[in-house]
Amino acid sequence: MTIELDTTLAQAEVLFLSFQQLVADMDRRRVEQGSSAVDGLRRRRWSSTAPAPQQVAFPELSEELRELLVARRTS
């Protein structure tokens, strides 16, 4: 059995970029949720028939996973 190096590297890069974007989105939404309650913006009133949107609790990302996003230079 052989592994195609080019295909494997391309798939790894796509997975890494997807992970990177997911982390960035989680961080952005966490900041938006925290600031929207503080920044004095008016809230829309929801009708009694329409449910109010719920805030999503994003999982806390471990430092080990965040370290994967840091490019390390080897000397």
N, C-alpha and C. Protein backbone atom coordinates (compact mmCIF):
# COMPACT_ATOMS: atom_id res chain seq x y z
N MET A 1 0.84 -1.17 0.00
CA MET A 1 0.00 0.00 0.00
C MET A 1 0.89 1.25 0.00
N THR A 2 0.54 2.21 -0.84
CA THR A 2 1.30 3.46 -0.90
C THR A 2 0.38 4.63 -0.60
N ILE A 3 0.97 5.67 -0.10
CA ILE A 3 0.23 6.89 0.21
C ILE A 3 0.70 7.97 -0.75
N GLU A 4 -0.25 8.58 -1.44
CA GLU A 4 0.09 9.66 -2.34
C GLU A 4 0.41 10.91 -1.52
N LEU A 5 1.63 11.34 -1.55
CA LEU A 5 2.08 12.44 -0.71
C LEU A 5 1.39 13.75 -1.08
N ASP A 6 1.29 14.06 -2.35
CA ASP A 6 0.67 15.33 -2.77
C ASP A 6 -0.78 15.42 -2.32
N THR A 7 -1.53 14.34 -2.50
CA THR A 7 -2.94 14.32 -2.11
C THR A 7 -3.08 14.44 -0.60
N THR A 8 -2.25 13.71 0.12
CA THR A 8 -2.31 13.75 1.58
C THR A 8 -1.97 15.13 2.11
N LEU A 9 -0.94 15.77 1.56
CA LEU A 9 -0.58 17.12 1.99
C LEU A 9 -1.68 18.13 1.66
N ALA A 10 -2.29 17.99 0.51
CA ALA A 10 -3.38 18.91 0.13
C ALA A 10 -4.56 18.75 1.08
N GLN A 11 -4.92 17.52 1.41
CA GLN A 11 -6.03 17.28 2.34
C GLN A 11 -5.70 17.81 3.73
N ALA A 12 -4.46 17.63 4.17
CA ALA A 12 -4.04 18.14 5.48
C ALA A 12 -4.13 19.66 5.52
N GLU A 13 -3.73 20.30 4.44
CA GLU A 13 -3.79 21.76 4.39
C GLU A 13 -5.23 22.26 4.45
N VAL A 14 -6.13 21.59 3.74
CA VAL A 14 -7.54 21.98 3.76
C VAL A 14 -8.11 21.80 5.16
N LEU A 15 -7.79 20.70 5.82
CA LEU A 15 -8.27 20.47 7.18
C LEU A 15 -7.73 21.52 8.15
N PHE A 16 -6.46 21.87 8.01
CA PHE A 16 -5.86 22.88 8.87
C PHE A 16 -6.53 24.23 8.67
N LEU A 17 -6.74 24.62 7.42
CA LEU A 17 -7.37 25.91 7.15
C LEU A 17 -8.82 25.94 7.65
N SER A 18 -9.51 24.81 7.55
CA SER A 18 -10.87 24.73 8.08
C SER A 18 -10.86 24.89 9.60
N PHE A 19 -9.92 24.23 10.27
CA PHE A 19 -9.78 24.35 11.72
C PHE A 19 -9.46 25.79 12.11
N GLN A 20 -8.55 26.40 11.38
CA GLN A 20 -8.15 27.78 11.65
C GLN A 20 -9.36 28.73 11.53
N GLN A 21 -10.16 28.53 10.50
CA GLN A 21 -11.34 29.38 10.30
C GLN A 21 -12.38 29.13 11.38
N LEU A 22 -12.56 27.89 11.79
CA LEU A 22 -13.51 27.56 12.84
C LEU A 22 -13.13 28.24 14.16
N VAL A 23 -11.85 28.20 14.50
CA VAL A 23 -11.37 28.84 15.72
C VAL A 23 -11.57 30.36 15.64
N ALA A 24 -11.27 30.94 14.50
CA ALA A 24 -11.46 32.39 14.33
C ALA A 24 -12.93 32.76 14.46
N ASP A 25 -13.82 31.96 13.90
CA ASP A 25 -15.26 32.22 14.00
C ASP A 25 -15.74 32.10 15.44
N MET A 26 -15.25 31.08 16.16
CA MET A 26 -15.63 30.90 17.56
C MET A 26 -15.18 32.10 18.39
N ASP A 27 -13.96 32.54 18.18
CA ASP A 27 -13.43 33.69 18.93
C ASP A 27 -14.22 34.95 18.62
N ARG A 28 -14.52 35.18 17.34
CA ARG A 28 -15.27 36.37 16.94
C ARG A 28 -16.66 36.36 17.56
N ARG A 29 -17.34 35.23 17.51
CA ARG A 29 -18.69 35.16 18.06
C ARG A 29 -18.69 35.31 19.58
N ARG A 30 -17.68 34.77 20.24
CA ARG A 30 -17.58 34.92 21.68
C ARG A 30 -17.42 36.40 22.05
N VAL A 31 -16.59 37.11 21.29
CA VAL A 31 -16.39 38.54 21.54
C VAL A 31 -17.68 39.30 21.25
N GLU A 32 -18.36 38.96 20.17
CA GLU A 32 -19.62 39.64 19.83
C GLU A 32 -20.68 39.41 20.90
N GLN A 33 -20.79 38.21 21.42
CA GLN A 33 -21.77 37.92 22.45
C GLN A 33 -21.45 38.68 23.73
N GLY A 34 -20.18 38.77 24.06
CA GLY A 34 -19.79 39.48 25.27
C GLY A 34 -19.98 40.97 25.15
N SER A 35 -19.73 41.52 23.98
CA SER A 35 -19.81 42.98 23.82
C SER A 35 -21.22 43.45 23.53
N SER A 36 -22.07 42.63 22.96
CA SER A 36 -23.41 43.09 22.60
C SER A 36 -24.24 43.41 23.84
N ALA A 37 -23.98 42.74 24.94
CA ALA A 37 -24.73 43.01 26.16
C ALA A 37 -24.21 44.27 26.86
N VAL A 38 -22.99 44.68 26.52
CA VAL A 38 -22.35 45.78 27.23
C VAL A 38 -22.38 47.08 26.44
N ASP A 39 -22.43 47.02 25.14
CA ASP A 39 -22.21 48.22 24.34
C ASP A 39 -23.42 49.14 24.23
N GLY A 40 -24.50 48.84 24.90
CA GLY A 40 -25.63 49.75 24.93
C GLY A 40 -26.51 49.72 23.70
N LEU A 41 -26.38 48.73 22.86
CA LEU A 41 -27.25 48.64 21.69
C LEU A 41 -28.66 48.26 22.12
N ARG A 42 -29.61 48.80 21.42
CA ARG A 42 -30.99 48.44 21.73
C ARG A 42 -31.26 47.04 21.21
N ARG A 43 -32.06 46.32 21.94
CA ARG A 43 -32.47 44.97 21.53
C ARG A 43 -33.81 45.03 20.83
N ARG A 44 -33.98 44.24 19.81
CA ARG A 44 -35.27 44.15 19.15
C ARG A 44 -36.23 43.39 20.06
N ARG A 45 -37.45 43.80 20.02
CA ARG A 45 -38.46 43.08 20.78
C ARG A 45 -38.97 41.94 19.92
N TRP A 46 -39.13 40.81 20.55
CA TRP A 46 -39.61 39.64 19.83
C TRP A 46 -41.10 39.47 20.12
N SER A 47 -41.82 39.12 19.10
CA SER A 47 -43.25 38.91 19.31
C SER A 47 -43.45 37.66 20.16
N SER A 48 -44.61 37.56 20.74
CA SER A 48 -44.87 36.43 21.63
C SER A 48 -44.94 35.12 20.86
N THR A 49 -45.16 35.18 19.54
CA THR A 49 -45.24 33.94 18.76
C THR A 49 -43.88 33.49 18.26
N ALA A 50 -42.96 34.41 18.11
CA ALA A 50 -41.63 34.06 17.60
C ALA A 50 -40.67 33.86 18.78
N PRO A 51 -39.97 32.73 18.80
CA PRO A 51 -39.04 32.51 19.91
C PRO A 51 -37.83 33.45 19.80
N ALA A 52 -37.36 33.91 20.93
CA ALA A 52 -36.17 34.76 20.94
C ALA A 52 -34.95 33.91 20.61
N PRO A 53 -33.98 34.48 19.89
CA PRO A 53 -32.79 33.70 19.55
C PRO A 53 -32.00 33.37 20.81
N GLN A 54 -31.47 32.16 20.84
CA GLN A 54 -30.68 31.73 21.99
C GLN A 54 -29.21 31.92 21.69
N GLN A 55 -28.47 32.29 22.73
CA GLN A 55 -27.04 32.43 22.55
C GLN A 55 -26.40 31.05 22.64
N VAL A 56 -25.49 30.80 21.74
CA VAL A 56 -24.81 29.51 21.68
C VAL A 56 -23.60 29.55 22.60
N ALA A 57 -23.47 28.54 23.42
CA ALA A 57 -22.29 28.45 24.29
C ALA A 57 -21.21 27.68 23.53
N PHE A 58 -20.14 28.39 23.18
CA PHE A 58 -19.06 27.74 22.45
C PHE A 58 -18.13 27.05 23.43
N PRO A 59 -17.65 25.88 23.07
CA PRO A 59 -16.73 25.18 23.98
C PRO A 59 -15.43 25.96 24.12
N GLU A 60 -14.81 25.82 25.27
CA GLU A 60 -13.52 26.47 25.50
C GLU A 60 -12.44 25.66 24.79
N LEU A 61 -11.64 26.33 24.02
CA LEU A 61 -10.58 25.67 23.26
C LEU A 61 -9.32 25.58 24.11
N SER A 62 -8.76 24.40 24.20
CA SER A 62 -7.58 24.22 25.05
C SER A 62 -6.36 24.93 24.45
N GLU A 63 -5.41 25.21 25.32
CA GLU A 63 -4.17 25.87 24.87
C GLU A 63 -3.41 24.99 23.88
N GLU A 64 -3.48 23.68 24.07
CA GLU A 64 -2.79 22.77 23.15
C GLU A 64 -3.33 22.91 21.72
N LEU A 65 -4.66 23.04 21.60
CA LEU A 65 -5.24 23.21 20.27
C LEU A 65 -4.90 24.58 19.69
N ARG A 66 -4.89 25.61 20.53
CA ARG A 66 -4.51 26.94 20.05
C ARG A 66 -3.06 26.97 19.59
N GLU A 67 -2.20 26.20 20.25
CA GLU A 67 -0.80 26.16 19.87
C GLU A 67 -0.60 25.60 18.46
N LEU A 68 -1.55 24.79 18.00
CA LEU A 68 -1.45 24.26 16.64
C LEU A 68 -1.52 25.37 15.60
N LEU A 69 -2.16 26.47 15.97
CA LEU A 69 -2.32 27.57 15.02
C LEU A 69 -1.12 28.51 14.97
N VAL A 70 -0.23 28.37 15.91
CA VAL A 70 0.94 29.24 15.98
C VAL A 70 2.05 28.63 15.13
N ALA A 71 2.50 29.40 14.17
CA ALA A 71 3.61 28.92 13.32
C ALA A 71 4.88 29.00 14.13
N ARG A 72 5.55 27.91 14.28
CA ARG A 72 6.80 27.89 15.03
C ARG A 72 7.96 27.81 14.06
N ARG A 73 8.93 28.64 14.32
CA ARG A 73 10.13 28.63 13.48
C ARG A 73 11.19 27.76 14.14
N THR A 74 11.78 26.92 13.36
CA THR A 74 12.85 26.09 13.89
C THR A 74 14.18 26.70 13.48
N SER A 75 15.07 26.80 14.42
CA SER A 75 16.37 27.42 14.15
C SER A 75 17.37 26.38 13.73
